[in-house]
C-alpha atoms as a PDB file:
ATOM      1  CA  MET A   1      -0.395  -0.121   0.142  1.00  0.00           C
ATOM      2  CA  LYS A   2       1.632   3.664  -0.757  1.00  0.00           C
ATOM      3  CA  LYS A   3       2.227   5.909   1.513  1.00  0.00           C
ATOM      4  CA  VAL A   4       0.713   9.436   1.397  1.00  0.00           C
ATOM      5  CA  ALA A   5       0.885  12.664   3.032  1.00  0.00           C
ATOM      6  CA  VAL A   6      -1.859  15.303   3.055  1.00  0.00           C
ATOM      7  CA  VAL A   7      -1.235  19.462   2.943  1.00  0.00           C
ATOM      8  CA  GLY A   8      -4.610  20.900   4.015  1.00  0.00           C
ATOM      9  CA  CYS A   9      -5.590  24.353   3.547  1.00  0.00           C
ATOM     10  CA  GLY A  10      -5.845  25.329   7.337  1.00  0.00           C
ATOM     11  CA  SER A  11      -7.837  28.157   6.391  1.00  0.00           C
ATOM     12  CA  TYR A  12     -10.630  26.258   4.551  1.00  0.00           C
ATOM     13  CA  MET A  13     -10.489  23.710   7.598  1.00  0.00           C
ATOM     14  CA  ASP A  14     -11.228  27.063  10.130  1.00  0.00           C
ATOM     15  CA  SER A  15     -13.260  29.292   8.894  1.00  0.00           C
ATOM     16  CA  GLY A  16     -16.473  27.349   7.066  1.00  0.00           C
ATOM     17  CA  TYR A  17     -14.839  28.034   3.511  1.00  0.00           C
ATOM     18  CA  GLY A  18     -17.020  24.616   2.128  1.00  0.00           C
ATOM     19  CA  CYS A  19     -14.628  22.500   3.738  1.00  0.00           C
ATOM     20  CA  PRO A  20     -15.654  20.787   7.005  1.00  0.00           C
ATOM     21  CA  GLY A  21     -12.262  19.290   7.802  1.00  0.00           C
ATOM     22  CA  GLU A  22      -9.978  16.729   6.766  1.00  0.00           C
ATOM     23  CA  TRP A  23     -12.836  13.896   6.185  1.00  0.00           C
ATOM     24  CA  ARG A  24     -12.784  13.930   2.795  1.00  0.00           C
ATOM     25  CA  CYS A  25      -9.565  13.713   2.252  1.00  0.00           C
ATOM     26  CA  LEU A  26      -8.874  10.572   4.388  1.00  0.00           C
ATOM     27  CA  LYS A  27     -11.728   9.003   2.893  1.00  0.00           C
ATOM     28  CA  ALA A  28     -10.737   9.333  -0.895  1.00  0.00           C
ATOM     29  CA  ALA A  29      -7.348   7.875   0.300  1.00  0.00           C
ATOM     30  CA  ALA A  30      -8.546   5.069   2.198  1.00  0.00           C
ATOM     31  CA  LEU A  31     -11.399   3.912  -1.028  1.00  0.00           C
ATOM     32  CA  GLY A  32      -8.903   5.521  -3.984  1.00  0.00           C
ATOM     33  CA  ASP A  33     -10.883   7.271  -4.752  1.00  0.00           C
ATOM     34  CA  GLY A  34     -10.251  10.943  -6.789  1.00  0.00           C
ATOM     35  CA  LYS A  35      -6.719  11.799  -7.554  1.00  0.00           C
ATOM     36  CA  PHE A  36      -5.965   8.781  -5.887  1.00  0.00           C
ATOM     37  CA  ASP A  37      -5.174   6.008  -8.380  1.00  0.00           C
ATOM     38  CA  GLU A  38      -5.392   3.206  -5.843  1.00  0.00           C
ATOM     39  CA  PRO A  39      -6.039   2.839  -1.858  1.00  0.00           C
ATOM     40  CA  CYS A  40      -3.103   4.584   0.003  1.00  0.00           C
ATOM     41  CA  GLN A  41      -2.124   4.622   3.883  1.00  0.00           C
ATOM     42  CA  VAL A  42      -1.584   8.710   4.943  1.00  0.00           C
ATOM     43  CA  VAL A  43       1.239   8.448   6.798  1.00  0.00           C
ATOM     44  CA  TRP A  44       0.541  12.437   8.360  1.00  0.00           C
ATOM     45  CA  PHE A  45      -1.706  15.217   7.883  1.00  0.00           C
ATOM     46  CA  LEU A  46      -0.389  18.593   7.931  1.00  0.00           C
ATOM     47  CA  LYS A  47      -2.653  21.653   8.144  1.00  0.00           C
ATOM     48  CA  CYS A  48      -1.253  25.096   6.218  1.00  0.00           C
ATOM     49  CA  GLN A  49      -1.576  28.161   7.951  1.00  0.00           C
ATOM     50  CA  CYS A  50      -1.855  31.917   6.434  1.00  0.00           C
ATOM     51  CA  PRO A  51       0.838  32.919   5.389  1.00  0.00           C
ATOM     52  CA  SER A  52       2.259  29.172   4.736  1.00  0.00           C
ATOM     53  CA  ARG A  53       5.997  30.230   5.736  1.00  0.00           C
ATOM     54  CA  SER A  54       6.064  27.326   7.403  1.00  0.00           C
ATOM     55  CA  THR A  55       4.655  24.458   5.821  1.00  0.00           C
ATOM     56  CA  VAL A  56       7.841  23.294   4.111  1.00  0.00           C
ATOM     57  CA  SER A  57       9.754  23.077   6.626  1.00  0.00           C
ATOM     58  CA  ASN A  58       6.735  21.686   8.445  1.00  0.00           C
ATOM     59  CA  ALA A  59       6.865  19.060   6.015  1.00  0.00           C
ATOM     60  CA  SER A  60      10.254  17.866   6.400  1.00  0.00           C
ATOM     61  CA  MET A  61       9.828  17.808   9.936  1.00  0.00           C
ATOM     62  CA  ALA A  62       7.167  15.463  10.032  1.00  0.00           C
ATOM     63  CA  ILE A  63       8.983  13.318   7.654  1.00  0.00           C
ATOM     64  CA  LYS A  64      11.695  13.296   9.829  1.00  0.00           C
ATOM     65  CA  LEU A  65       9.434  12.737  12.964  1.00  0.00           C
ATOM     66  CA  SER A  66       7.802  10.401  11.912  1.00  0.00           C
ATOM     67  CA  GLU A  67      10.376   8.416  10.369  1.00  0.00           C
ATOM     68  CA  ILE A  68       8.340   7.917   7.216  1.00  0.00           C
ATOM     69  CA  LYS A  69       8.852   8.934   3.808  1.00  0.00           C
ATOM     70  CA  PRO A  70       5.743   8.822   1.365  1.00  0.00           C
ATOM     71  CA  ASP A  71       5.598   8.053  -1.825  1.00  0.00           C
ATOM     72  CA  LYS A  72       3.611  11.417  -2.838  1.00  0.00           C
ATOM     73  CA  ILE A  73       2.431  14.555  -0.947  1.00  0.00           C
ATOM     74  CA  TYR A  74      -1.433  15.754  -1.908  1.00  0.00           C
ATOM     75  CA  LEU A  75      -2.430  19.375  -2.072  1.00  0.00           C
ATOM     76  CA  SER A  76      -6.302  19.142  -0.630  1.00  0.00           C
ATOM     77  CA  SER A  77      -8.881  20.130  -2.367  1.00  0.00           C
ATOM     78  CA  CYS A  78      -9.689  22.849  -0.660  1.00  0.00           C
ATOM     79  CA  LEU A  79      -6.150  24.516  -0.644  1.00  0.00           C
ATOM     80  CA  ALA A  80      -5.604  23.047  -4.058  1.00  0.00           C
ATOM     81  CA  ASN A  81      -8.597  25.044  -5.545  1.00  0.00           C
ATOM     82  CA  ALA A  82      -9.481  27.432  -3.229  1.00  0.00           C
ATOM     83  CA  LYS A  83     -11.928  29.909  -3.659  1.00  0.00           C
ATOM     84  CA  PRO A  84     -11.053  32.773  -2.909  1.00  0.00           C
ATOM     85  CA  ASP A  85      -7.441  31.994  -3.798  1.00  0.00           C
ATOM     86  CA  CYS A  86      -4.557  32.076  -1.639  1.00  0.00           C
ATOM     87  CA  PRO A  87      -3.081  35.694  -1.081  1.00  0.00           C
ATOM     88  CA  TYR A  88      -0.216  34.269  -0.333  1.00  0.00           C
ATOM     89  CA  ARG A  89       1.106  31.848  -3.556  1.00  0.00           C
ATOM     90  CA  THR A  90      -0.628  29.731  -5.692  1.00  0.00           C
ATOM     91  CA  ALA A  91      -1.234  26.317  -5.254  1.00  0.00           C
ATOM     92  CA  GLU A  92       1.932  25.687  -8.289  1.00  0.00           C
ATOM     93  CA  GLU A  93       4.356  27.629  -6.442  1.00  0.00           C
ATOM     94  CA  LEU A  94       3.633  25.546  -2.928  1.00  0.00           C
ATOM     95  CA  ALA A  95       3.871  22.099  -4.634  1.00  0.00           C
ATOM     96  CA  ASN A  96       7.461  23.250  -6.564  1.00  0.00           C
ATOM     97  CA  MET A  97       8.535  24.094  -2.678  1.00  0.00           C
ATOM     98  CA  LEU A  98       7.347  21.119  -1.068  1.00  0.00           C
ATOM     99  CA  LYS A  99       9.254  19.024  -4.214  1.00  0.00           C
ATOM    100  CA  ASN A 100      12.191  20.876  -4.237  1.00  0.00           C
ATOM    101  CA  LYS A 101      12.844  20.560  -0.223  1.00  0.00           C
ATOM    102  CA  THR A 102      11.869  16.896   0.375  1.00  0.00           C
ATOM    103  CA  GLY A 103      11.902  15.494  -3.759  1.00  0.00           C
ATOM    104  CA  ILE A 104       8.480  13.547  -3.188  1.00  0.00           C
ATOM    105  CA  GLU A 105       6.141  14.195  -6.136  1.00  0.00           C
ATOM    106  CA  VAL A 106       3.448  16.566  -5.008  1.00  0.00           C
ATOM    107  CA  VAL A 107      -0.320  16.007  -6.371  1.00  0.00           C
ATOM    108  CA  LEU A 108      -2.792  18.964  -6.841  1.00  0.00           C
ATOM    109  CA  GLY A 109      -6.247  17.892  -5.168  1.00  0.00           C
ATOM    110  CA  THR A 110      -7.190  15.227  -3.608  1.00  0.00           C
ATOM    111  CA  HIS A 111     -11.350  14.393  -4.283  1.00  0.00           C
ATOM    112  CA  ASP A 112     -13.815  15.861  -6.139  1.00  0.00           C
ATOM    113  CA  TYR A 113     -16.330  15.035  -3.295  1.00  0.00           C
ATOM    114  CA  HIS A 114     -18.863  17.406  -3.525  1.00  0.00           C
END
């Protein structure tokens, strides 16, 4: 079973912009729905906090402390498709930063649930 990590938008989760929390991302990973091509084990879930300065270093720390390097990192659908857009950086910029720091492929989005 592939091991994956998920980075969610803390603003969406905390402010009720249509994401009640990480359950939809976790469901999609467990079932292999949406952007997951097979059922996966989520080894860590990281909440991106505005203005996202610590997200990349927190991801590196999660890998180090958990001692589990995920096969892929997924940016949650609420982060990848945020409306209104994140005022600090695009999902593509965050994905590139994560990939450059960790060497792990980053996927934009997790599920298509409404």
